[in-house]
N, C-alpha and C. Protein backbone atom coordinates (compact mmCIF):
# COMPACT_ATOMS: atom_id res chain seq x y z
N MET A 1 -7.34 20.40 118.37
CA MET A 1 -7.46 21.43 119.37
C MET A 1 -6.38 22.46 119.12
N ALA A 2 -6.76 23.69 118.99
CA ALA A 2 -5.82 24.79 118.77
C ALA A 2 -5.24 25.22 120.11
N VAL A 3 -3.96 25.55 120.10
CA VAL A 3 -3.29 26.01 121.31
C VAL A 3 -2.86 27.45 121.07
N SER A 4 -3.22 28.31 121.97
CA SER A 4 -2.85 29.71 121.87
C SER A 4 -1.48 29.93 122.48
N LEU A 5 -0.65 30.69 121.82
CA LEU A 5 0.65 31.02 122.37
C LEU A 5 0.59 32.26 123.24
N LEU A 6 -0.59 32.87 123.30
CA LEU A 6 -0.78 34.06 124.11
C LEU A 6 -1.13 33.66 125.54
N SER A 7 -0.70 34.45 126.47
CA SER A 7 -1.07 34.20 127.86
C SER A 7 -2.54 34.61 128.05
N GLN A 8 -3.10 34.20 129.16
CA GLN A 8 -4.49 34.57 129.48
C GLN A 8 -4.63 36.09 129.52
N GLU A 9 -3.64 36.76 130.10
CA GLU A 9 -3.68 38.21 130.21
C GLU A 9 -3.63 38.87 128.82
N GLU A 10 -2.80 38.32 127.93
CA GLU A 10 -2.71 38.88 126.57
C GLU A 10 -4.03 38.68 125.82
N ARG A 11 -4.65 37.52 125.99
CA ARG A 11 -5.95 37.26 125.33
C ARG A 11 -7.00 38.23 125.85
N GLU A 12 -7.01 38.47 127.16
CA GLU A 12 -7.98 39.40 127.73
C GLU A 12 -7.73 40.83 127.23
N ASP A 13 -6.44 41.21 127.15
CA ASP A 13 -6.11 42.55 126.64
C ASP A 13 -6.58 42.71 125.20
N ARG A 14 -6.37 41.69 124.38
CA ARG A 14 -6.81 41.76 122.99
C ARG A 14 -8.34 41.84 122.89
N ALA A 15 -9.01 41.08 123.74
CA ALA A 15 -10.48 41.10 123.73
C ALA A 15 -10.99 42.48 124.13
N GLN A 16 -10.38 43.06 125.15
CA GLN A 16 -10.79 44.38 125.60
C GLN A 16 -10.51 45.43 124.53
N ALA A 17 -9.36 45.33 123.86
CA ALA A 17 -9.01 46.28 122.80
C ALA A 17 -9.99 46.16 121.64
N ALA A 18 -10.40 44.94 121.31
CA ALA A 18 -11.34 44.74 120.21
C ALA A 18 -12.69 45.34 120.55
N VAL A 19 -13.13 45.15 121.78
CA VAL A 19 -14.42 45.71 122.20
C VAL A 19 -14.34 47.23 122.26
N ALA A 20 -13.22 47.75 122.75
CA ALA A 20 -13.06 49.20 122.87
C ALA A 20 -13.04 49.88 121.49
N ALA A 21 -12.60 49.17 120.47
CA ALA A 21 -12.51 49.74 119.12
C ALA A 21 -13.87 49.89 118.46
N VAL A 22 -14.86 49.16 118.95
CA VAL A 22 -16.21 49.23 118.38
C VAL A 22 -17.01 50.27 119.15
N PRO A 23 -17.52 51.29 118.45
CA PRO A 23 -18.29 52.31 119.18
C PRO A 23 -19.60 51.73 119.71
N ASP A 24 -19.96 52.17 120.90
CA ASP A 24 -21.21 51.72 121.51
C ASP A 24 -22.37 52.48 120.89
N PRO A 25 -23.43 51.75 120.54
CA PRO A 25 -24.63 52.46 120.10
C PRO A 25 -25.22 53.21 121.29
N PRO A 26 -26.00 54.24 121.06
CA PRO A 26 -26.58 54.99 122.17
C PRO A 26 -27.39 54.07 123.09
N SER A 27 -27.28 54.31 124.36
CA SER A 27 -27.99 53.60 125.43
C SER A 27 -27.69 52.11 125.51
N VAL A 28 -26.54 51.68 125.00
CA VAL A 28 -26.15 50.28 125.12
C VAL A 28 -24.88 50.22 125.95
N ILE A 29 -24.87 49.35 126.93
CA ILE A 29 -23.71 49.21 127.80
C ILE A 29 -22.87 48.05 127.29
N SER A 30 -21.59 48.29 127.11
CA SER A 30 -20.67 47.27 126.65
C SER A 30 -20.18 46.45 127.84
N ILE A 31 -20.25 45.14 127.73
CA ILE A 31 -19.78 44.25 128.79
C ILE A 31 -18.60 43.46 128.24
N VAL A 32 -17.46 43.55 128.91
CA VAL A 32 -16.26 42.84 128.50
C VAL A 32 -16.09 41.64 129.41
N PRO A 33 -16.01 40.44 128.84
CA PRO A 33 -15.83 39.27 129.69
C PRO A 33 -14.51 39.35 130.46
N GLN A 34 -14.52 38.86 131.67
CA GLN A 34 -13.34 38.91 132.52
C GLN A 34 -12.55 37.61 132.51
N GLY A 35 -12.72 36.79 131.50
CA GLY A 35 -12.02 35.51 131.40
C GLY A 35 -13.02 34.39 131.28
N PRO A 36 -12.53 33.17 131.14
CA PRO A 36 -13.44 32.05 130.96
C PRO A 36 -14.25 31.80 132.23
N PRO A 37 -15.49 31.36 132.06
CA PRO A 37 -16.30 31.07 133.25
C PRO A 37 -15.72 29.87 133.99
N THR A 38 -15.81 29.90 135.29
CA THR A 38 -15.32 28.76 136.06
C THR A 38 -16.45 27.77 136.27
N LEU A 39 -16.09 26.52 136.34
CA LEU A 39 -17.08 25.48 136.56
C LEU A 39 -17.31 25.33 138.06
N GLU A 40 -18.55 25.42 138.46
CA GLU A 40 -18.91 25.19 139.85
C GLU A 40 -18.96 23.68 140.09
N GLU A 41 -19.03 23.26 141.34
CA GLU A 41 -19.05 21.84 141.68
C GLU A 41 -20.16 21.10 140.96
N ALA A 42 -21.37 21.67 140.93
CA ALA A 42 -22.49 21.02 140.25
C ALA A 42 -22.22 20.89 138.76
N ASP A 43 -21.59 21.93 138.18
CA ASP A 43 -21.25 21.88 136.76
C ASP A 43 -20.23 20.78 136.49
N LEU A 44 -19.24 20.63 137.38
CA LEU A 44 -18.24 19.58 137.22
C LEU A 44 -18.89 18.20 137.21
N GLU A 45 -19.86 18.02 138.09
CA GLU A 45 -20.56 16.73 138.12
C GLU A 45 -21.31 16.49 136.82
N GLY A 46 -21.92 17.55 136.28
CA GLY A 46 -22.63 17.42 135.00
C GLY A 46 -21.69 17.09 133.86
N VAL A 47 -20.54 17.74 133.83
CA VAL A 47 -19.55 17.44 132.79
C VAL A 47 -19.08 16.00 132.93
N ALA A 48 -18.83 15.57 134.15
CA ALA A 48 -18.39 14.19 134.38
C ALA A 48 -19.46 13.19 133.95
N ARG A 49 -20.73 13.51 134.20
CA ARG A 49 -21.81 12.62 133.77
C ARG A 49 -21.86 12.51 132.25
N ASN A 50 -21.65 13.64 131.57
CA ASN A 50 -21.74 13.64 130.12
C ASN A 50 -20.50 13.08 129.44
N LEU A 51 -19.32 13.37 129.98
CA LEU A 51 -18.08 12.96 129.33
C LEU A 51 -17.42 11.77 130.00
N GLY A 52 -17.73 11.52 131.26
CA GLY A 52 -16.99 10.54 132.03
C GLY A 52 -15.73 11.19 132.57
N HIS A 53 -14.99 10.47 133.36
CA HIS A 53 -13.75 11.02 133.91
C HIS A 53 -12.60 10.61 133.00
N ASP A 54 -12.57 11.21 131.83
CA ASP A 54 -11.51 10.93 130.88
C ASP A 54 -10.79 12.22 130.52
N GLY A 55 -10.00 12.19 129.48
CA GLY A 55 -9.22 13.35 129.09
C GLY A 55 -10.05 14.56 128.73
N ARG A 56 -11.21 14.33 128.12
CA ARG A 56 -12.08 15.45 127.75
C ARG A 56 -12.55 16.20 128.99
N TYR A 57 -12.82 15.47 130.04
CA TYR A 57 -13.23 16.08 131.31
C TYR A 57 -12.11 16.95 131.87
N ILE A 58 -10.89 16.41 131.87
CA ILE A 58 -9.74 17.17 132.36
C ILE A 58 -9.57 18.44 131.55
N THR A 59 -9.69 18.33 130.23
CA THR A 59 -9.55 19.50 129.35
C THR A 59 -10.59 20.56 129.69
N LYS A 60 -11.86 20.15 129.85
CA LYS A 60 -12.92 21.11 130.17
C LYS A 60 -12.64 21.83 131.48
N VAL A 61 -12.23 21.09 132.49
CA VAL A 61 -11.95 21.70 133.79
C VAL A 61 -10.77 22.65 133.67
N ARG A 62 -9.70 22.18 133.02
CA ARG A 62 -8.49 23.02 132.87
C ARG A 62 -8.82 24.31 132.14
N GLU A 63 -9.53 24.20 131.03
CA GLU A 63 -9.87 25.39 130.25
C GLU A 63 -10.80 26.33 131.02
N SER A 64 -11.73 25.76 131.77
CA SER A 64 -12.66 26.61 132.52
C SER A 64 -11.93 27.42 133.60
N LYS A 65 -10.81 26.90 134.05
CA LYS A 65 -10.03 27.59 135.08
C LYS A 65 -8.96 28.49 134.46
N GLY A 66 -8.93 28.56 133.12
CA GLY A 66 -7.98 29.42 132.44
C GLY A 66 -6.54 28.95 132.55
N VAL A 67 -6.34 27.65 132.69
CA VAL A 67 -5.00 27.08 132.84
C VAL A 67 -4.59 26.47 131.50
N ASN A 68 -3.43 26.85 130.98
CA ASN A 68 -2.96 26.22 129.75
C ASN A 68 -2.08 25.02 130.08
N LEU A 69 -1.74 24.23 129.06
CA LEU A 69 -0.95 23.03 129.30
C LEU A 69 0.43 23.34 129.88
N ALA A 70 1.03 24.43 129.43
CA ALA A 70 2.36 24.78 129.94
C ALA A 70 2.30 25.06 131.44
N THR A 71 1.30 25.78 131.87
CA THR A 71 1.15 26.08 133.30
C THR A 71 0.84 24.82 134.09
N LEU A 72 -0.04 23.98 133.56
CA LEU A 72 -0.35 22.72 134.24
C LEU A 72 0.90 21.86 134.35
N SER A 73 1.71 21.85 133.30
CA SER A 73 2.95 21.09 133.32
C SER A 73 3.89 21.62 134.41
N GLU A 74 4.01 22.93 134.51
CA GLU A 74 4.86 23.53 135.54
C GLU A 74 4.35 23.20 136.94
N ASP A 75 3.03 23.30 137.12
CA ASP A 75 2.44 23.09 138.44
C ASP A 75 2.48 21.63 138.88
N THR A 76 2.37 20.71 137.92
CA THR A 76 2.32 19.28 138.26
C THR A 76 3.66 18.58 138.09
N LYS A 77 4.59 19.24 137.39
CA LYS A 77 5.89 18.63 137.05
C LYS A 77 5.72 17.42 136.14
N ILE A 78 4.68 17.46 135.30
CA ILE A 78 4.42 16.40 134.32
C ILE A 78 4.73 16.98 132.94
N ALA A 79 5.44 16.21 132.13
CA ALA A 79 5.79 16.66 130.78
C ALA A 79 4.52 16.96 129.98
N GLN A 80 4.57 18.04 129.20
CA GLN A 80 3.41 18.43 128.40
C GLN A 80 2.96 17.32 127.47
N ARG A 81 3.89 16.53 126.94
CA ARG A 81 3.49 15.45 126.01
C ARG A 81 2.59 14.44 126.72
N TYR A 82 2.84 14.17 128.00
CA TYR A 82 1.99 13.25 128.74
C TYR A 82 0.65 13.89 129.09
N LEU A 83 0.67 15.17 129.45
CA LEU A 83 -0.59 15.86 129.72
C LEU A 83 -1.47 15.87 128.47
N LYS A 84 -0.84 16.14 127.34
CA LYS A 84 -1.59 16.16 126.08
C LYS A 84 -2.14 14.77 125.76
N ALA A 85 -1.34 13.74 125.96
CA ALA A 85 -1.80 12.38 125.71
C ALA A 85 -2.94 12.01 126.65
N ILE A 86 -2.86 12.43 127.91
CA ILE A 86 -3.94 12.16 128.86
C ILE A 86 -5.22 12.84 128.39
N GLU A 87 -5.14 14.12 128.03
CA GLU A 87 -6.33 14.86 127.61
C GLU A 87 -6.91 14.32 126.30
N GLU A 88 -6.08 13.78 125.45
CA GLU A 88 -6.55 13.23 124.17
C GLU A 88 -6.94 11.76 124.26
N ASN A 89 -6.85 11.19 125.46
CA ASN A 89 -7.12 9.77 125.66
C ASN A 89 -6.26 8.92 124.73
N ALA A 90 -5.03 9.35 124.51
CA ALA A 90 -4.08 8.64 123.66
C ALA A 90 -3.31 7.65 124.55
N PHE A 91 -3.98 6.59 124.94
CA PHE A 91 -3.45 5.65 125.92
C PHE A 91 -2.15 5.00 125.44
N ASP A 92 -1.99 4.85 124.14
CA ASP A 92 -0.78 4.24 123.60
C ASP A 92 0.45 5.14 123.74
N ARG A 93 0.26 6.41 124.05
CA ARG A 93 1.37 7.34 124.23
C ARG A 93 1.69 7.59 125.71
N LEU A 94 1.06 6.83 126.57
CA LEU A 94 1.25 7.00 128.02
C LEU A 94 2.15 5.91 128.58
N PRO A 95 2.85 6.21 129.68
CA PRO A 95 3.72 5.20 130.30
C PRO A 95 2.92 4.18 131.10
N ALA A 96 3.62 3.43 131.91
CA ALA A 96 3.02 2.36 132.73
C ALA A 96 1.93 2.93 133.65
N PRO A 97 0.98 2.07 134.03
CA PRO A 97 -0.15 2.51 134.86
C PRO A 97 0.24 3.22 136.15
N VAL A 98 1.30 2.80 136.79
CA VAL A 98 1.69 3.43 138.05
C VAL A 98 2.02 4.91 137.85
N PHE A 99 2.63 5.24 136.72
CA PHE A 99 2.94 6.64 136.43
C PHE A 99 1.68 7.43 136.10
N VAL A 100 0.80 6.83 135.31
CA VAL A 100 -0.44 7.51 134.92
C VAL A 100 -1.28 7.82 136.16
N ARG A 101 -1.38 6.86 137.09
CA ARG A 101 -2.11 7.11 138.34
C ARG A 101 -1.53 8.31 139.08
N GLY A 102 -0.22 8.36 139.18
CA GLY A 102 0.43 9.49 139.85
C GLY A 102 0.16 10.80 139.13
N TYR A 103 0.20 10.77 137.79
CA TYR A 103 -0.10 11.97 137.01
C TYR A 103 -1.52 12.45 137.29
N LEU A 104 -2.45 11.51 137.30
CA LEU A 104 -3.86 11.87 137.52
C LEU A 104 -4.06 12.47 138.91
N ARG A 105 -3.36 11.94 139.89
CA ARG A 105 -3.46 12.50 141.25
C ARG A 105 -2.95 13.94 141.29
N GLU A 106 -1.85 14.18 140.61
CA GLU A 106 -1.30 15.54 140.56
C GLU A 106 -2.25 16.49 139.83
N ILE A 107 -2.78 16.04 138.71
CA ILE A 107 -3.73 16.86 137.94
C ILE A 107 -4.95 17.18 138.80
N ALA A 108 -5.48 16.17 139.48
CA ALA A 108 -6.65 16.37 140.34
C ALA A 108 -6.36 17.39 141.43
N ALA A 109 -5.19 17.31 142.03
CA ALA A 109 -4.84 18.24 143.11
C ALA A 109 -4.73 19.67 142.59
N VAL A 110 -4.11 19.85 141.45
CA VAL A 110 -3.91 21.20 140.91
C VAL A 110 -5.21 21.79 140.41
N LEU A 111 -6.05 20.98 139.77
CA LEU A 111 -7.30 21.50 139.18
C LEU A 111 -8.49 21.43 140.13
N GLY A 112 -8.32 20.82 141.30
CA GLY A 112 -9.42 20.74 142.25
C GLY A 112 -10.48 19.74 141.84
N ILE A 113 -10.05 18.63 141.26
CA ILE A 113 -10.96 17.57 140.81
C ILE A 113 -10.97 16.47 141.88
N ASP A 114 -12.11 15.77 142.00
CA ASP A 114 -12.22 14.63 142.91
C ASP A 114 -11.23 13.56 142.44
N GLU A 115 -10.17 13.37 143.23
CA GLU A 115 -9.09 12.46 142.85
C GLU A 115 -9.56 11.03 142.63
N GLY A 116 -10.35 10.51 143.55
CA GLY A 116 -10.79 9.12 143.45
C GLY A 116 -11.59 8.85 142.18
N ALA A 117 -12.54 9.73 141.89
CA ALA A 117 -13.37 9.54 140.70
C ALA A 117 -12.54 9.66 139.43
N LEU A 118 -11.61 10.61 139.41
CA LEU A 118 -10.77 10.80 138.23
C LEU A 118 -9.88 9.59 138.00
N VAL A 119 -9.18 9.17 139.03
CA VAL A 119 -8.25 8.04 138.90
C VAL A 119 -9.02 6.77 138.52
N ASP A 120 -10.11 6.48 139.22
CA ASP A 120 -10.87 5.27 138.94
C ASP A 120 -11.43 5.29 137.51
N GLY A 121 -12.06 6.39 137.13
CA GLY A 121 -12.66 6.48 135.80
C GLY A 121 -11.65 6.42 134.69
N TYR A 122 -10.57 7.20 134.82
CA TYR A 122 -9.57 7.25 133.76
C TYR A 122 -8.82 5.92 133.66
N MET A 123 -8.45 5.36 134.79
CA MET A 123 -7.68 4.12 134.76
C MET A 123 -8.50 2.95 134.22
N ALA A 124 -9.81 2.96 134.42
CA ALA A 124 -10.66 1.92 133.83
C ALA A 124 -10.57 1.99 132.30
N LEU A 125 -10.62 3.19 131.76
CA LEU A 125 -10.48 3.36 130.31
C LEU A 125 -9.07 3.00 129.84
N TYR A 126 -8.08 3.41 130.60
CA TYR A 126 -6.68 3.11 130.28
C TYR A 126 -6.48 1.60 130.17
N GLU A 127 -6.92 0.89 131.20
CA GLU A 127 -6.77 -0.58 131.22
C GLU A 127 -7.54 -1.24 130.07
N GLN A 128 -8.72 -0.74 129.81
CA GLN A 128 -9.55 -1.29 128.73
C GLN A 128 -8.83 -1.14 127.38
N HIS A 129 -8.27 0.02 127.14
CA HIS A 129 -7.62 0.28 125.86
C HIS A 129 -6.24 -0.34 125.75
N ARG A 130 -5.60 -0.53 126.86
CA ARG A 130 -4.27 -1.13 126.84
C ARG A 130 -4.33 -2.64 126.96
N GLY A 131 -5.55 -3.17 127.08
CA GLY A 131 -5.71 -4.62 127.14
C GLY A 131 -5.38 -5.22 128.49
N GLY A 132 -5.54 -4.41 129.54
CA GLY A 132 -5.16 -4.89 130.88
C GLY A 132 -6.27 -5.24 131.70
């Protein structure tokens, strides 16, 4: 997964500049995206059905809301290395279950995810992979 060092605003500015540099053909209206699409509640349920409540789900929700790992780390007070491990389902790089549960609750609160489903789904995978 590539990580951009540009802020959301800088990415949008670059996208707008790139579109502005291309001349419009006659009678064609140029549409500049205003940022990543947000996932509606129904979409979140669909993503959860397809991916489960694991790190990939968290990544999709975070990216759809235009939140980078640094911002999520600041908002949740969770170290980026743990957020990255959670999103990558790198269970061997995560601390004890009590900490992971707390991290998941914070992530759910900041991203607007159903806390119970996230904690239950992710912790089931965590326990399975950690042999618990």
